[in-house]
Amino acid sequence: MAFDAHLEALKRKHLAMSDAVEKAQRAPGIDDLQVASMKKEKLRLKEEITRLTP
């Protein structure tokens, strides 16, 4: 049960990060380094989800 909850939490964080990246890319004057950092975090979440999914 805890495993499933952890995996769902990761998926929610990934989705939220995806939305945040899209929003940041549309915002004028956003720092490219900030967007890159957000993308790295999104990728880290995706890799962890992939690793935990059978």
N, C-alpha and C. Protein backbone atom coordinates (compact mmCIF):
# COMPACT_ATOMS: atom_id res chain seq x y z
N MET A 1 0.82 -1.20 0.00
CA MET A 1 0.00 0.00 0.00
C MET A 1 0.87 1.26 0.00
N ALA A 2 1.88 1.29 0.83
CA ALA A 2 2.75 2.47 0.90
C ALA A 2 3.49 2.67 -0.43
N PHE A 3 3.85 1.56 -1.07
CA PHE A 3 4.54 1.65 -2.35
C PHE A 3 3.65 2.32 -3.39
N ASP A 4 2.39 1.89 -3.46
CA ASP A 4 1.45 2.47 -4.42
C ASP A 4 1.24 3.96 -4.15
N ALA A 5 1.15 4.32 -2.89
CA ALA A 5 0.97 5.73 -2.53
C ALA A 5 2.19 6.54 -2.93
N HIS A 6 3.37 5.98 -2.74
CA HIS A 6 4.61 6.68 -3.13
C HIS A 6 4.65 6.87 -4.65
N LEU A 7 4.31 5.84 -5.38
CA LEU A 7 4.32 5.92 -6.84
C LEU A 7 3.30 6.96 -7.33
N GLU A 8 2.13 6.98 -6.74
CA GLU A 8 1.11 7.97 -7.12
C GLU A 8 1.58 9.39 -6.78
N ALA A 9 2.26 9.54 -5.66
CA ALA A 9 2.79 10.86 -5.28
C ALA A 9 3.82 11.32 -6.30
N LEU A 10 4.67 10.41 -6.74
CA LEU A 10 5.67 10.75 -7.76
C LEU A 10 4.99 11.17 -9.06
N LYS A 11 3.96 10.45 -9.44
CA LYS A 11 3.24 10.78 -10.67
C LYS A 11 2.58 12.16 -10.57
N ARG A 12 2.00 12.48 -9.41
CA ARG A 12 1.40 13.80 -9.21
C ARG A 12 2.46 14.90 -9.27
N LYS A 13 3.61 14.65 -8.65
CA LYS A 13 4.69 15.64 -8.68
C LYS A 13 5.19 15.85 -10.11
N HIS A 14 5.29 14.75 -10.88
CA HIS A 14 5.74 14.84 -12.27
C HIS A 14 4.75 15.67 -13.09
N LEU A 15 3.48 15.42 -12.90
CA LEU A 15 2.45 16.16 -13.63
C LEU A 15 2.48 17.64 -13.25
N ALA A 16 2.62 17.92 -11.96
CA ALA A 16 2.69 19.32 -11.50
C ALA A 16 3.93 20.00 -12.07
N MET A 17 5.05 19.29 -12.11
CA MET A 17 6.29 19.85 -12.65
C MET A 17 6.14 20.11 -14.15
N SER A 18 5.46 19.20 -14.84
CA SER A 18 5.22 19.38 -16.27
C SER A 18 4.41 20.65 -16.52
N ASP A 19 3.37 20.84 -15.74
CA ASP A 19 2.54 22.04 -15.87
C ASP A 19 3.36 23.30 -15.56
N ALA A 20 4.19 23.22 -14.52
CA ALA A 20 5.00 24.37 -14.13
C ALA A 20 6.02 24.73 -15.21
N VAL A 21 6.61 23.73 -15.85
CA VAL A 21 7.58 23.97 -16.93
C VAL A 21 6.88 24.66 -18.10
N GLU A 22 5.71 24.15 -18.47
CA GLU A 22 4.97 24.75 -19.59
C GLU A 22 4.62 26.20 -19.28
N LYS A 23 4.14 26.44 -18.07
CA LYS A 23 3.77 27.79 -17.67
C LYS A 23 4.99 28.71 -17.67
N ALA A 24 6.11 28.24 -17.16
CA ALA A 24 7.33 29.04 -17.11
C ALA A 24 7.84 29.37 -18.51
N GLN A 25 7.73 28.43 -19.43
CA GLN A 25 8.21 28.67 -20.79
C GLN A 25 7.36 29.71 -21.52
N ARG A 26 6.11 29.85 -21.12
CA ARG A 26 5.25 30.85 -21.75
C ARG A 26 5.40 32.22 -21.10
N ALA A 27 5.93 32.26 -19.89
CA ALA A 27 6.06 33.52 -19.16
C ALA A 27 7.19 34.36 -19.75
N PRO A 28 6.94 35.64 -19.94
CA PRO A 28 8.00 36.51 -20.46
C PRO A 28 9.06 36.76 -19.38
N GLY A 29 10.29 36.77 -19.80
CA GLY A 29 11.39 37.09 -18.90
C GLY A 29 11.78 35.99 -17.94
N ILE A 30 11.35 34.77 -18.18
CA ILE A 30 11.73 33.68 -17.28
C ILE A 30 13.19 33.30 -17.51
N ASP A 31 13.86 33.00 -16.45
CA ASP A 31 15.28 32.64 -16.50
C ASP A 31 15.44 31.24 -17.11
N ASP A 32 16.26 31.14 -18.15
CA ASP A 32 16.47 29.85 -18.81
C ASP A 32 17.06 28.81 -17.87
N LEU A 33 17.91 29.25 -16.94
CA LEU A 33 18.50 28.31 -15.99
C LEU A 33 17.44 27.74 -15.06
N GLN A 34 16.47 28.54 -14.71
CA GLN A 34 15.38 28.07 -13.85
C GLN A 34 14.55 27.03 -14.59
N VAL A 35 14.26 27.27 -15.84
CA VAL A 35 13.51 26.31 -16.65
C VAL A 35 14.30 25.02 -16.79
N ALA A 36 15.59 25.13 -17.05
CA ALA A 36 16.44 23.95 -17.19
C ALA A 36 16.44 23.13 -15.89
N SER A 37 16.51 23.81 -14.77
CA SER A 37 16.48 23.13 -13.48
C SER A 37 15.15 22.40 -13.27
N MET A 38 14.08 23.04 -13.66
CA MET A 38 12.76 22.42 -13.54
C MET A 38 12.66 21.18 -14.43
N LYS A 39 13.22 21.28 -15.63
CA LYS A 39 13.20 20.14 -16.55
C LYS A 39 14.02 18.98 -16.00
N LYS A 40 15.14 19.28 -15.37
CA LYS A 40 15.96 18.22 -14.77
C LYS A 40 15.22 17.52 -13.65
N GLU A 41 14.51 18.28 -12.84
CA GLU A 41 13.72 17.69 -11.76
C GLU A 41 12.60 16.83 -12.32
N LYS A 42 11.97 17.31 -13.38
CA LYS A 42 10.91 16.54 -14.03
C LYS A 42 11.46 15.22 -14.58
N LEU A 43 12.63 15.27 -15.19
CA LEU A 43 13.27 14.06 -15.72
C LEU A 43 13.64 13.11 -14.59
N ARG A 44 14.14 13.65 -13.47
CA ARG A 44 14.50 12.82 -12.33
C ARG A 44 13.27 12.07 -11.80
N LEU A 45 12.15 12.77 -11.73
CA LEU A 45 10.91 12.14 -11.29
C LEU A 45 10.47 11.05 -12.26
N LYS A 46 10.55 11.34 -13.55
CA LYS A 46 10.16 10.37 -14.58
C LYS A 46 11.04 9.12 -14.50
N GLU A 47 12.34 9.31 -14.29
CA GLU A 47 13.24 8.16 -14.19
C GLU A 47 12.94 7.33 -12.96
N GLU A 48 12.60 7.99 -11.85
CA GLU A 48 12.25 7.23 -10.65
C GLU A 48 10.95 6.46 -10.84
N ILE A 49 9.98 7.09 -11.49
CA ILE A 49 8.71 6.39 -11.78
C ILE A 49 8.98 5.17 -12.65
N THR A 50 9.79 5.33 -13.68
CA THR A 50 10.12 4.24 -14.59
C THR A 50 10.83 3.11 -13.85
N ARG A 51 11.74 3.49 -12.97
CA ARG A 51 12.51 2.49 -12.22
C ARG A 51 11.60 1.70 -11.28
N LEU A 52 10.57 2.33 -10.72
CA LEU A 52 9.70 1.68 -9.76
C LEU A 52 8.54 0.94 -10.40
N THR A 53 8.28 1.21 -11.67
CA THR A 53 7.17 0.56 -12.36
C THR A 53 7.64 -0.77 -12.94
N PRO A 54 6.92 -1.83 -12.62
CA PRO A 54 7.34 -3.16 -13.13
C PRO A 54 7.18 -3.31 -14.62
